[in-house]
PDB file of N, CA and C in Angstrom:
ATOM      1  N   MET A   1     -12.537 -11.344 -22.843  1.00  0.00           N
ATOM      2  CA  MET A   1     -11.793 -11.679 -21.650  1.00  0.00           C
ATOM      3  C   MET A   1     -12.662 -11.451 -20.431  1.00  0.00           C
ATOM      4  N   SER A   2     -12.619 -12.360 -19.490  1.00  0.00           N
ATOM      5  CA  SER A   2     -13.357 -12.229 -18.244  1.00  0.00           C
ATOM      6  C   SER A   2     -12.452 -11.666 -17.163  1.00  0.00           C
ATOM      7  N   VAL A   3     -13.030 -10.859 -16.290  1.00  0.00           N
ATOM      8  CA  VAL A   3     -12.328 -10.372 -15.113  1.00  0.00           C
ATOM      9  C   VAL A   3     -13.018 -11.021 -13.927  1.00  0.00           C
ATOM     10  N   TYR A   4     -12.238 -11.640 -13.049  1.00  0.00           N
ATOM     11  CA  TYR A   4     -12.828 -12.406 -11.961  1.00  0.00           C
ATOM     12  C   TYR A   4     -11.978 -12.282 -10.711  1.00  0.00           C
ATOM     13  N   SER A   5     -12.518 -12.750  -9.605  1.00  0.00           N
ATOM     14  CA  SER A   5     -11.800 -12.735  -8.332  1.00  0.00           C
ATOM     15  C   SER A   5     -10.631 -13.709  -8.385  1.00  0.00           C
ATOM     16  N   VAL A   6      -9.647 -13.445  -7.562  1.00  0.00           N
ATOM     17  CA  VAL A   6      -8.467 -14.310  -7.505  1.00  0.00           C
ATOM     18  C   VAL A   6      -8.526 -15.171  -6.247  1.00  0.00           C
ATOM     19  N   ALA A   7      -7.685 -16.189  -6.211  1.00  0.00           N
ATOM     20  CA  ALA A   7      -7.607 -17.081  -5.048  1.00  0.00           C
ATOM     21  C   ALA A   7      -7.200 -16.283  -3.810  1.00  0.00           C
ATOM     22  N   PRO A   8      -7.606 -16.743  -2.631  1.00  0.00           N
ATOM     23  CA  PRO A   8      -7.246 -16.027  -1.406  1.00  0.00           C
ATOM     24  C   PRO A   8      -5.735 -16.002  -1.182  1.00  0.00           C
ATOM     25  N   VAL A   9      -5.298 -15.017  -0.413  1.00  0.00           N
ATOM     26  CA  VAL A   9      -3.878 -14.857  -0.107  1.00  0.00           C
ATOM     27  C   VAL A   9      -3.326 -16.125   0.541  1.00  0.00           C
ATOM     28  N   SER A  10      -4.116 -16.796   1.344  1.00  0.00           N
ATOM     29  CA  SER A  10      -3.645 -18.017   2.016  1.00  0.00           C
ATOM     30  C   SER A  10      -3.229 -19.103   1.020  1.00  0.00           C
ATOM     31  N   GLU A  11      -3.828 -19.110  -0.159  1.00  0.00           N
ATOM     32  CA  GLU A  11      -3.461 -20.093  -1.187  1.00  0.00           C
ATOM     33  C   GLU A  11      -2.231 -19.671  -1.983  1.00  0.00           C
ATOM     34  N   HIS A  12      -2.084 -18.379  -2.193  1.00  0.00           N
ATOM     35  CA  HIS A  12      -0.948 -17.831  -2.952  1.00  0.00           C
ATOM     36  C   HIS A  12      -0.423 -16.598  -2.223  1.00  0.00           C
ATOM     37  N   PRO A  13       0.357 -16.789  -1.141  1.00  0.00           N
ATOM     38  CA  PRO A  13       0.832 -15.630  -0.380  1.00  0.00           C
ATOM     39  C   PRO A  13       1.866 -14.785  -1.124  1.00  0.00           C
ATOM     40  N   GLN A  14       2.570 -15.388  -2.080  1.00  0.00           N
ATOM     41  CA  GLN A  14       3.530 -14.633  -2.888  1.00  0.00           C
ATOM     42  C   GLN A  14       3.412 -15.072  -4.341  1.00  0.00           C
ATOM     43  N   LEU A  15       3.408 -14.088  -5.220  1.00  0.00           N
ATOM     44  CA  LEU A  15       3.321 -14.337  -6.659  1.00  0.00           C
ATOM     45  C   LEU A  15       4.395 -13.530  -7.376  1.00  0.00           C
ATOM     46  N   THR A  16       4.708 -13.947  -8.588  1.00  0.00           N
ATOM     47  CA  THR A  16       5.710 -13.281  -9.409  1.00  0.00           C
ATOM     48  C   THR A  16       5.029 -12.573 -10.569  1.00  0.00           C
ATOM     49  N   LEU A  17       5.415 -11.320 -10.802  1.00  0.00           N
ATOM     50  CA  LEU A  17       4.893 -10.567 -11.937  1.00  0.00           C
ATOM     51  C   LEU A  17       6.001 -10.303 -12.942  1.00  0.00           C
ATOM     52  N   GLU A  18       5.758 -10.672 -14.189  1.00  0.00           N
ATOM     53  CA  GLU A  18       6.611 -10.310 -15.322  1.00  0.00           C
ATOM     54  C   GLU A  18       5.850  -9.276 -16.142  1.00  0.00           C
ATOM     55  N   ARG A  19       6.561  -8.628 -17.066  1.00  0.00           N
ATOM     56  CA  ARG A  19       5.920  -7.623 -17.934  1.00  0.00           C
ATOM     57  C   ARG A  19       5.029  -6.717 -17.080  1.00  0.00           C
ATOM     58  N   TRP A  20       5.637  -6.124 -16.074  1.00  0.00           N
ATOM     59  CA  TRP A  20       4.914  -5.357 -15.072  1.00  0.00           C
ATOM     60  C   TRP A  20       5.045  -3.851 -15.271  1.00  0.00           C
ATOM     61  N   ARG A  21       4.118  -3.145 -14.685  1.00  0.00           N
ATOM     62  CA  ARG A  21       4.141  -1.685 -14.599  1.00  0.00           C
ATOM     63  C   ARG A  21       3.634  -1.328 -13.201  1.00  0.00           C
ATOM     64  N   VAL A  22       3.838  -0.078 -12.801  1.00  0.00           N
ATOM     65  CA  VAL A  22       3.222   0.438 -11.577  1.00  0.00           C
ATOM     66  C   VAL A  22       2.483   1.704 -11.965  1.00  0.00           C
ATOM     67  N   TYR A  23       1.178   1.715 -11.702  1.00  0.00           N
ATOM     68  CA  TYR A  23       0.339   2.866 -12.019  1.00  0.00           C
ATOM     69  C   TYR A  23      -0.108   3.541 -10.733  1.00  0.00           C
ATOM     70  N   GLU A  24      -0.085   4.870 -10.759  1.00  0.00           N
ATOM     71  CA  GLU A  24      -0.589   5.667  -9.646  1.00  0.00           C
ATOM     72  C   GLU A  24      -1.944   6.233 -10.033  1.00  0.00           C
ATOM     73  N   THR A  25      -2.905   6.164  -9.122  1.00  0.00           N
ATOM     74  CA  THR A  25      -4.252   6.661  -9.385  1.00  0.00           C
ATOM     75  C   THR A  25      -4.383   8.112  -8.922  1.00  0.00           C
ATOM     76  N   ALA A  26      -5.512   8.709  -9.240  1.00  0.00           N
ATOM     77  CA  ALA A  26      -5.772  10.102  -8.870  1.00  0.00           C
ATOM     78  C   ALA A  26      -5.720  10.311  -7.358  1.00  0.00           C
ATOM     79  N   ASN A  27      -6.072   9.292  -6.578  1.00  0.00           N
ATOM     80  CA  ASN A  27      -6.043   9.447  -5.117  1.00  0.00           C
ATOM     81  C   ASN A  27      -4.697   9.051  -4.505  1.00  0.00           C
ATOM     82  N   GLY A  28      -3.691   8.807  -5.338  1.00  0.00           N
ATOM     83  CA  GLY A  28      -2.342   8.533  -4.862  1.00  0.00           C
ATOM     84  C   GLY A  28      -2.023   7.071  -4.607  1.00  0.00           C
ATOM     85  N   GLU A  29      -2.988   6.182  -4.778  1.00  0.00           N
ATOM     86  CA  GLU A  29      -2.698   4.755  -4.613  1.00  0.00           C
ATOM     87  C   GLU A  29      -1.870   4.259  -5.786  1.00  0.00           C
ATOM     88  N   ARG A  30      -1.010   3.297  -5.501  1.00  0.00           N
ATOM     89  CA  ARG A  30      -0.195   2.685  -6.550  1.00  0.00           C
ATOM     90  C   ARG A  30      -0.511   1.200  -6.626  1.00  0.00           C
ATOM     91  N   HIS A  31      -0.518   0.676  -7.855  1.00  0.00           N
ATOM     92  CA  HIS A  31      -0.874  -0.721  -8.093  1.00  0.00           C
ATOM     93  C   HIS A  31       0.121  -1.354  -9.048  1.00  0.00           C
ATOM     94  N   PHE A  32       0.494  -2.615  -8.760  1.00  0.00           N
ATOM     95  CA  PHE A  32       1.249  -3.400  -9.725  1.00  0.00           C
ATOM     96  C   PHE A  32       0.272  -3.888 -10.786  1.00  0.00           C
ATOM     97  N   VAL A  33       0.697  -3.824 -12.038  1.00  0.00           N
ATOM     98  CA  VAL A  33      -0.107  -4.281 -13.172  1.00  0.00           C
ATOM     99  C   VAL A  33       0.832  -5.136 -14.015  1.00  0.00           C
ATOM    100  N   GLY A  34       0.548  -6.427 -14.145  1.00  0.00           N
ATOM    101  CA  GLY A  34       1.469  -7.271 -14.892  1.00  0.00           C
ATOM    102  C   GLY A  34       0.953  -8.675 -15.117  1.00  0.00           C
ATOM    103  N   TYR A  35       1.829  -9.501 -15.666  1.00  0.00           N
ATOM    104  CA  TYR A  35       1.502 -10.893 -15.973  1.00  0.00           C
ATOM    105  C   TYR A  35       1.949 -11.772 -14.814  1.00  0.00           C
ATOM    106  N   CYS A  36       1.022 -12.511 -14.222  1.00  0.00           N
ATOM    107  CA  CYS A  36       1.317 -13.392 -13.094  1.00  0.00           C
ATOM    108  C   CYS A  36       1.825 -14.737 -13.616  1.00  0.00           C
ATOM    109  N   VAL A  37       3.062 -15.054 -13.275  1.00  0.00           N
ATOM    110  CA  VAL A  37       3.707 -16.275 -13.755  1.00  0.00           C
ATOM    111  C   VAL A  37       2.990 -17.528 -13.247  1.00  0.00           C
ATOM    112  N   GLU A  38       2.645 -17.540 -11.973  1.00  0.00           N
ATOM    113  CA  GLU A  38       2.071 -18.748 -11.368  1.00  0.00           C
ATOM    114  C   GLU A  38       0.662 -19.062 -11.869  1.00  0.00           C
ATOM    115  N   THR A  39      -0.134 -18.036 -12.119  1.00  0.00           N
ATOM    116  CA  THR A  39      -1.533 -18.257 -12.517  1.00  0.00           C
ATOM    117  C   THR A  39      -1.768 -18.043 -14.010  1.00  0.00           C
ATOM    118  N   HIS A  40      -0.737 -17.619 -14.720  1.00  0.00           N
ATOM    119  CA  HIS A  40      -0.803 -17.434 -16.176  1.00  0.00           C
ATOM    120  C   HIS A  40      -1.926 -16.477 -16.586  1.00  0.00           C
ATOM    121  N   GLU A  41      -1.943 -15.292 -15.950  1.00  0.00           N
ATOM    122  CA  GLU A  41      -2.996 -14.322 -16.247  1.00  0.00           C
ATOM    123  C   GLU A  41      -2.514 -12.905 -15.975  1.00  0.00           C
ATOM    124  N   GLY A  42      -3.176 -11.946 -16.613  1.00  0.00           N
ATOM    125  CA  GLY A  42      -2.934 -10.554 -16.296  1.00  0.00           C
ATOM    126  C   GLY A  42      -3.515 -10.241 -14.936  1.00  0.00           C
ATOM    127  N   ARG A  43      -2.863  -9.339 -14.218  1.00  0.00           N
ATOM    128  CA  ARG A  43      -3.313  -9.050 -12.858  1.00  0.00           C
ATOM    129  C   ARG A  43      -3.085  -7.586 -12.519  1.00  0.00           C
ATOM    130  N   VAL A  44      -4.030  -7.027 -11.766  1.00  0.00           N
ATOM    131  CA  VAL A  44      -3.890  -5.715 -11.142  1.00  0.00           C
ATOM    132  C   VAL A  44      -4.025  -5.958  -9.649  1.00  0.00           C
ATOM    133  N   THR A  45      -3.067  -5.478  -8.876  1.00  0.00           N
ATOM    134  CA  THR A  45      -3.072  -5.742  -7.440  1.00  0.00           C
ATOM    135  C   THR A  45      -3.881  -4.696  -6.683  1.00  0.00           C
ATOM    136  N   THR A  46      -4.138  -5.010  -5.417  1.00  0.00           N
ATOM    137  CA  THR A  46      -4.646  -3.990  -4.514  1.00  0.00           C
ATOM    138  C   THR A  46      -3.517  -2.978  -4.320  1.00  0.00           C
ATOM    139  N   SER A  47      -3.763  -1.910  -3.595  1.00  0.00           N
ATOM    140  CA  SER A  47      -2.763  -0.849  -3.478  1.00  0.00           C
ATOM    141  C   SER A  47      -1.484  -1.356  -2.798  1.00  0.00           C
ATOM    142  N   ILE A  48      -0.366  -0.810  -3.235  1.00  0.00           N
ATOM    143  CA  ILE A  48       0.948  -1.179  -2.709  1.00  0.00           C
ATOM    144  C   ILE A  48       1.141  -0.496  -1.359  1.00  0.00           C
ATOM    145  N   LEU A  49       1.492  -1.288  -0.336  1.00  0.00           N
ATOM    146  CA  LEU A  49       1.743  -0.738   0.998  1.00  0.00           C
ATOM    147  C   LEU A  49       3.221  -0.512   1.252  1.00  0.00           C
ATOM    148  N   SER A  50       4.058  -1.430   0.764  1.00  0.00           N
ATOM    149  CA  SER A  50       5.501  -1.298   0.966  1.00  0.00           C
ATOM    150  C   SER A  50       6.223  -1.965  -0.195  1.00  0.00           C
ATOM    151  N   PHE A  51       7.492  -1.557  -0.363  1.00  0.00           N
ATOM    152  CA  PHE A  51       8.278  -2.126  -1.457  1.00  0.00           C
ATOM    153  C   PHE A  51       9.745  -2.131  -1.083  1.00  0.00           C
ATOM    154  N   ASP A  52      10.384  -3.292  -1.225  1.00  0.00           N
ATOM    155  CA  ASP A  52      11.822  -3.438  -1.012  1.00  0.00           C
ATOM    156  C   ASP A  52      12.478  -3.381  -2.388  1.00  0.00           C
ATOM    157  N   ILE A  53      13.092  -2.252  -2.689  1.00  0.00           N
ATOM    158  CA  ILE A  53      13.633  -2.038  -4.036  1.00  0.00           C
ATOM    159  C   ILE A  53      14.791  -2.995  -4.338  1.00  0.00           C
ATOM    160  N   CYS A  54      15.579  -3.371  -3.327  1.00  0.00           N
ATOM    161  CA  CYS A  54      16.694  -4.294  -3.565  1.00  0.00           C
ATOM    162  C   CYS A  54      16.199  -5.706  -3.863  1.00  0.00           C
ATOM    163  N   ALA A  55      15.230  -6.178  -3.094  1.00  0.00           N
ATOM    164  CA  ALA A  55      14.687  -7.525  -3.291  1.00  0.00           C
ATOM    165  C   ALA A  55      13.654  -7.563  -4.406  1.00  0.00           C
ATOM    166  N   GLN A  56      13.138  -6.382  -4.802  1.00  0.00           N
ATOM    167  CA  GLN A  56      12.087  -6.273  -5.816  1.00  0.00           C
ATOM    168  C   GLN A  56      10.807  -6.999  -5.386  1.00  0.00           C
ATOM    169  N   ILE A  57      10.472  -6.857  -4.095  1.00  0.00           N
ATOM    170  CA  ILE A  57       9.263  -7.471  -3.544  1.00  0.00           C
ATOM    171  C   ILE A  57       8.407  -6.396  -2.893  1.00  0.00           C
ATOM    172  N   GLY A  58       7.125  -6.400  -3.242  1.00  0.00           N
ATOM    173  CA  GLY A  58       6.187  -5.451  -2.658  1.00  0.00           C
ATOM    174  C   GLY A  58       5.059  -6.160  -1.936  1.00  0.00           C
ATOM    175  N   MET A  59       4.548  -5.507  -0.892  1.00  0.00           N
ATOM    176  CA  MET A  59       3.389  -6.002  -0.144  1.00  0.00           C
ATOM    177  C   MET A  59       2.208  -5.117  -0.503  1.00  0.00           C
ATOM    178  N   THR A  60       1.065  -5.743  -0.780  1.00  0.00           N
ATOM    179  CA  THR A  60      -0.131  -4.983  -1.141  1.00  0.00           C
ATOM    180  C   THR A  60      -1.161  -5.032  -0.009  1.00  0.00           C
ATOM    181  N   ALA A  61      -2.211  -4.239  -0.160  1.00  0.00           N
ATOM    182  CA  ALA A  61      -3.252  -4.135   0.868  1.00  0.00           C
ATOM    183  C   ALA A  61      -3.923  -5.473   1.163  1.00  0.00           C
ATOM    184  N   SER A  62      -3.893  -6.390   0.227  1.00  0.00           N
ATOM    185  CA  SER A  62      -4.487  -7.720   0.451  1.00  0.00           C
ATOM    186  C   SER A  62      -3.632  -8.570   1.385  1.00  0.00           C
ATOM    187  N   GLY A  63      -2.368  -8.158   1.590  1.00  0.00           N
ATOM    188  CA  GLY A  63      -1.429  -8.953   2.372  1.00  0.00           C
ATOM    189  C   GLY A  63      -0.555  -9.848   1.519  1.00  0.00           C
ATOM    190  N   ARG A  64      -0.777  -9.822   0.223  1.00  0.00           N
ATOM    191  CA  ARG A  64       0.000 -10.650  -0.699  1.00  0.00           C
ATOM    192  C   ARG A  64       1.308  -9.938  -1.033  1.00  0.00           C
ATOM    193  N   ARG A  65       2.346 -10.744  -1.243  1.00  0.00           N
ATOM    194  CA  ARG A  65       3.646 -10.222  -1.661  1.00  0.00           C
ATOM    195  C   ARG A  65       3.821 -10.504  -3.148  1.00  0.00           C
ATOM    196  N   TYR A  66       4.389  -9.533  -3.841  1.00  0.00           N
ATOM    197  CA  TYR A  66       4.638  -9.679  -5.275  1.00  0.00           C
ATOM    198  C   TYR A  66       6.117  -9.477  -5.557  1.00  0.00           C
ATOM    199  N   GLN A  67       6.704 -10.460  -6.230  1.00  0.00           N
ATOM    200  CA  GLN A  67       8.085 -10.391  -6.692  1.00  0.00           C
ATOM    201  C   GLN A  67       8.060  -9.864  -8.118  1.00  0.00           C
ATOM    202  N   LEU A  68       8.735  -8.743  -8.364  1.00  0.00           N
ATOM    203  CA  LEU A  68       8.818  -8.218  -9.723  1.00  0.00           C
ATOM    204  C   LEU A  68       9.983  -8.893 -10.429  1.00  0.00           C
ATOM    205  N   SER A  69       9.757  -9.329 -11.651  1.00  0.00           N
ATOM    206  CA  SER A  69      10.773 -10.020 -12.433  1.00  0.00           C
ATOM    207  C   SER A  69      10.987  -9.278 -13.743  1.00  0.00           C
ATOM    208  N   GLY A  70      12.236  -8.986 -14.037  1.00  0.00           N
ATOM    209  CA  GLY A  70      12.541  -8.311 -15.294  1.00  0.00           C
ATOM    210  C   GLY A  70      12.265  -6.817 -15.246  1.00  0.00           C
ATOM    211  N   TRP A  71      12.135  -6.264 -16.422  1.00  0.00           N
ATOM    212  CA  TRP A  71      11.967  -4.823 -16.589  1.00  0.00           C
ATOM    213  C   TRP A  71      10.493  -4.456 -16.749  1.00  0.00           C
ATOM    214  N   PRO A  72      10.157  -3.194 -16.462  1.00  0.00           N
ATOM    215  CA  PRO A  72       8.785  -2.754 -16.741  1.00  0.00           C
ATOM    216  C   PRO A  72       8.481  -2.939 -18.224  1.00  0.00           C
ATOM    217  N   CYS A  73       7.313  -3.445 -18.515  1.00  0.00           N
ATOM    218  CA  CYS A  73       6.949  -3.761 -19.886  1.00  0.00           C
ATOM    219  C   CYS A  73       5.434  -3.836 -20.000  1.00  0.00           C
ATOM    220  N   PHE A  74       4.921  -3.751 -21.205  1.00  0.00           N
ATOM    221  CA  PHE A  74       3.484  -3.828 -21.462  1.00  0.00           C
ATOM    222  C   PHE A  74       3.026  -5.283 -21.497  1.00  0.00           C
ATOM    223  N   ASP A  75       1.911  -5.587 -20.844  1.00  0.00           N
ATOM    224  CA  ASP A  75       1.268  -6.898 -20.971  1.00  0.00           C
ATOM    225  C   ASP A  75      -0.194  -6.665 -21.310  1.00  0.00           C
ATOM    226  N   GLY A  76      -0.623  -7.166 -22.447  1.00  0.00           N
ATOM    227  CA  GLY A  76      -1.981  -6.941 -22.928  1.00  0.00           C
ATOM    228  C   GLY A  76      -3.062  -7.431 -21.988  1.00  0.00           C
ATOM    229  N   ASP A  77      -2.875  -8.620 -21.393  1.00  0.00           N
ATOM    230  CA  ASP A  77      -3.883  -9.147 -20.474  1.00  0.00           C
ATOM    231  C   ASP A  77      -4.023  -8.261 -19.238  1.00  0.00           C
ATOM    232  N   ALA A  78      -2.894  -7.843 -18.685  1.00  0.00           N
ATOM    233  CA  ALA A  78      -2.936  -6.982 -17.500  1.00  0.00           C
ATOM    234  C   ALA A  78      -3.583  -5.637 -17.826  1.00  0.00           C
ATOM    235  N   GLU A  79      -3.291  -5.115 -19.006  1.00  0.00           N
ATOM    236  CA  GLU A  79      -3.893  -3.835 -19.401  1.00  0.00           C
ATOM    237  C   GLU A  79      -5.405  -3.962 -19.573  1.00  0.00           C
ATOM    238  N   LEU A  80      -5.876  -5.124 -20.024  1.00  0.00           N
ATOM    239  CA  LEU A  80      -7.323  -5.345 -20.122  1.00  0.00           C
ATOM    240  C   LEU A  80      -7.972  -5.338 -18.742  1.00  0.00           C
ATOM    241  N   VAL A  81      -7.293  -5.927 -17.761  1.00  0.00           N
ATOM    242  CA  VAL A  81      -7.816  -5.901 -16.395  1.00  0.00           C
ATOM    243  C   VAL A  81      -7.850  -4.457 -15.895  1.00  0.00           C
ATOM    244  N   TRP A  82      -6.778  -3.698 -16.166  1.00  0.00           N
ATOM    245  CA  TRP A  82      -6.749  -2.290 -15.757  1.00  0.00           C
ATOM    246  C   TRP A  82      -7.884  -1.519 -16.435  1.00  0.00           C
ATOM    247  N   SER A  83      -8.125  -1.781 -17.693  1.00  0.00           N
ATOM    248  CA  SER A  83      -9.211  -1.113 -18.424  1.00  0.00           C
ATOM    249  C   SER A  83     -10.563  -1.399 -17.778  1.00  0.00           C
ATOM    250  N   HIS A  84     -10.740  -2.627 -17.290  1.00  0.00           N
ATOM    251  CA  HIS A  84     -11.979  -2.976 -16.597  1.00  0.00           C
ATOM    252  C   HIS A  84     -12.140  -2.108 -15.346  1.00  0.00           C
ATOM    253  N   LEU A  85     -11.056  -1.930 -14.594  1.00  0.00           N
ATOM    254  CA  LEU A  85     -11.119  -1.071 -13.406  1.00  0.00           C
ATOM    255  C   LEU A  85     -11.400   0.376 -13.793  1.00  0.00           C
ATOM    256  N   ALA A  86     -10.805   0.816 -14.890  1.00  0.00           N
ATOM    257  CA  ALA A  86     -11.027   2.187 -15.353  1.00  0.00           C
ATOM    258  C   ALA A  86     -12.498   2.411 -15.686  1.00  0.00           C
ATOM    259  N   SER A  87     -13.162   1.385 -16.196  1.00  0.00           N
ATOM    260  CA  SER A  87     -14.587   1.515 -16.514  1.00  0.00           C
ATOM    261  C   SER A  87     -15.429   1.636 -15.245  1.00  0.00           C
ATOM    262  N   GLN A  88     -14.828   1.306 -14.100  1.00  0.00           N
ATOM    263  CA  GLN A  88     -15.512   1.434 -12.814  1.00  0.00           C
ATOM    264  C   GLN A  88     -15.036   2.662 -12.044  1.00  0.00           C
ATOM    265  N   GLY A  89     -14.341   3.550 -12.730  1.00  0.00           N
ATOM    266  CA  GLY A  89     -13.934   4.806 -12.115  1.00  0.00           C
ATOM    267  C   GLY A  89     -12.519   4.866 -11.576  1.00  0.00           C
ATOM    268  N   VAL A  90     -11.754   3.781 -11.686  1.00  0.00           N
ATOM    269  CA  VAL A  90     -10.359   3.789 -11.246  1.00  0.00           C
ATOM    270  C   VAL A  90      -9.497   4.037 -12.471  1.00  0.00           C
ATOM    271  N   SER A  91      -8.749   5.108 -12.455  1.00  0.00           N
ATOM    272  CA  SER A  91      -7.908   5.383 -13.622  1.00  0.00           C
ATOM    273  C   SER A  91      -6.523   5.833 -13.178  1.00  0.00           C
ATOM    274  N   LYS A  92      -5.550   5.532 -14.005  1.00  0.00           N
ATOM    275  CA  LYS A  92      -4.186   5.934 -13.670  1.00  0.00           C
ATOM    276  C   LYS A  92      -4.005   7.410 -13.972  1.00  0.00           C
ATOM    277  N   THR A  93      -3.193   8.046 -13.162  1.00  0.00           N
ATOM    278  CA  THR A  93      -2.806   9.408 -13.471  1.00  0.00           C
ATOM    279  C   THR A  93      -1.414   9.421 -14.073  1.00  0.00           C
ATOM    280  N   LYS A  94      -0.608   8.426 -13.659  1.00  0.00           N
ATOM    281  CA  LYS A  94       0.725   8.347 -14.262  1.00  0.00           C
ATOM    282  C   LYS A  94       1.332   6.969 -14.055  1.00  0.00           C
ATOM    283  N   ASP A  95       2.278   6.666 -14.915  1.00  0.00           N
ATOM    284  CA  ASP A  95       3.054   5.436 -14.844  1.00  0.00           C
ATOM    285  C   ASP A  95       4.308   5.764 -14.030  1.00  0.00           C
ATOM    286  N   VAL A  96       4.477   5.119 -12.892  1.00  0.00           N
ATOM    287  CA  VAL A  96       5.619   5.389 -12.017  1.00  0.00           C
ATOM    288  C   VAL A  96       6.566   4.183 -11.945  1.00  0.00           C
ATOM    289  N   SER A  97       6.525   3.353 -12.957  1.00  0.00           N
ATOM    290  CA  SER A  97       7.280   2.094 -12.959  1.00  0.00           C
ATOM    291  C   SER A  97       8.773   2.276 -12.728  1.00  0.00           C
ATOM    292  N   LEU A  98       9.369   3.302 -13.302  1.00  0.00           N
ATOM    293  CA  LEU A  98      10.817   3.473 -13.177  1.00  0.00           C
ATOM    294  C   LEU A  98      11.252   3.703 -11.737  1.00  0.00           C
ATOM    295  N   GLU A  99      10.347   4.181 -10.887  1.00  0.00           N
ATOM    296  CA  GLU A  99      10.664   4.370  -9.471  1.00  0.00           C
ATOM    297  C   GLU A  99      10.856   3.036  -8.753  1.00  0.00           C
ATOM    298  N   TYR A 100      10.464   1.942  -9.384  1.00  0.00           N
ATOM    299  CA  TYR A 100      10.536   0.625  -8.765  1.00  0.00           C
ATOM    300  C   TYR A 100      11.711  -0.203  -9.271  1.00  0.00           C
ATOM    301  N   LEU A 101      12.566   0.408 -10.064  1.00  0.00           N
ATOM    302  CA  LEU A 101      13.797  -0.250 -10.508  1.00  0.00           C
ATOM    303  C   LEU A 101      14.938   0.150  -9.584  1.00  0.00           C
ATOM    304  N   PRO A 102      15.853  -0.773  -9.286  1.00  0.00           N
ATOM    305  CA  PRO A 102      17.035  -0.386  -8.516  1.00  0.00           C
ATOM    306  C   PRO A 102      17.778   0.740  -9.234  1.00  0.00           C
ATOM    307  N   ARG A 103      18.321   1.657  -8.472  1.00  0.00           N
ATOM    308  CA  ARG A 103      18.984   2.850  -9.036  1.00  0.00           C
ATOM    309  C   ARG A 103      20.020   2.510 -10.104  1.00  0.00           C
ATOM    310  N   GLU A 104      20.751   1.409  -9.907  1.00  0.00           N
ATOM    311  CA  GLU A 104      21.802   1.070 -10.873  1.00  0.00           C
ATOM    312  C   GLU A 104      21.246   0.708 -12.245  1.00  0.00           C
ATOM    313  N   HIS A 105      19.930   0.474 -12.335  1.00  0.00           N
ATOM    314  CA  HIS A 105      19.309   0.137 -13.613  1.00  0.00           C
ATOM    315  C   HIS A 105      18.664   1.336 -14.302  1.00  0.00           C
ATOM    316  N   VAL A 106      18.650   2.481 -13.618  1.00  0.00           N
ATOM    317  CA  VAL A 106      17.983   3.664 -14.159  1.00  0.00           C
ATOM    318  C   VAL A 106      19.031   4.654 -14.626  1.00  0.00           C
ATOM    319  N   LYS A 107      18.935   5.052 -15.898  1.00  0.00           N
ATOM    320  CA  LYS A 107      19.856   6.051 -16.426  1.00  0.00           C
ATOM    321  C   LYS A 107      19.417   7.430 -15.961  1.00  0.00           C
ATOM    322  N   ALA A 108      20.371   8.241 -15.584  1.00  0.00           N
ATOM    323  CA  ALA A 108      20.066   9.602 -15.107  1.00  0.00           C
ATOM    324  C   ALA A 108      19.701  10.511 -16.251  1.00  0.00           C
TER     325      ALA A 108
END
C-alpha cells in the first residue's frame, strides 16, 4: 500500500468518514482515522480543532471538515496509514472514539 498526499482542501472541503476511530497522540493531538467515502481510501486527518457532537462534523488543522458516519469501527486501510505515521514517530496513546458519539448512543 502506498501512502501519499491528498487533494487540497479547496477541492474537497468536506469529506465523509465511515469505519472511523479517533486516536489521541502522546502530545494530546487527536486525529480522525477512517475510510473516506468520497475518495475510497483509508485516511488519517491532521489534528482535530473542533467537533460538533450533534452534527457529527469536525474541523481539522488543514481546514477540512469531516462528517462521521456510523459507529466507530476498524478499517484496515486507515490503520495502515496510521502505521505509516507511527513509523515516523507519531503514535497513539489511546483510542478516544467513544467521546465522539452523541451521549444517547453511549451506554453508561
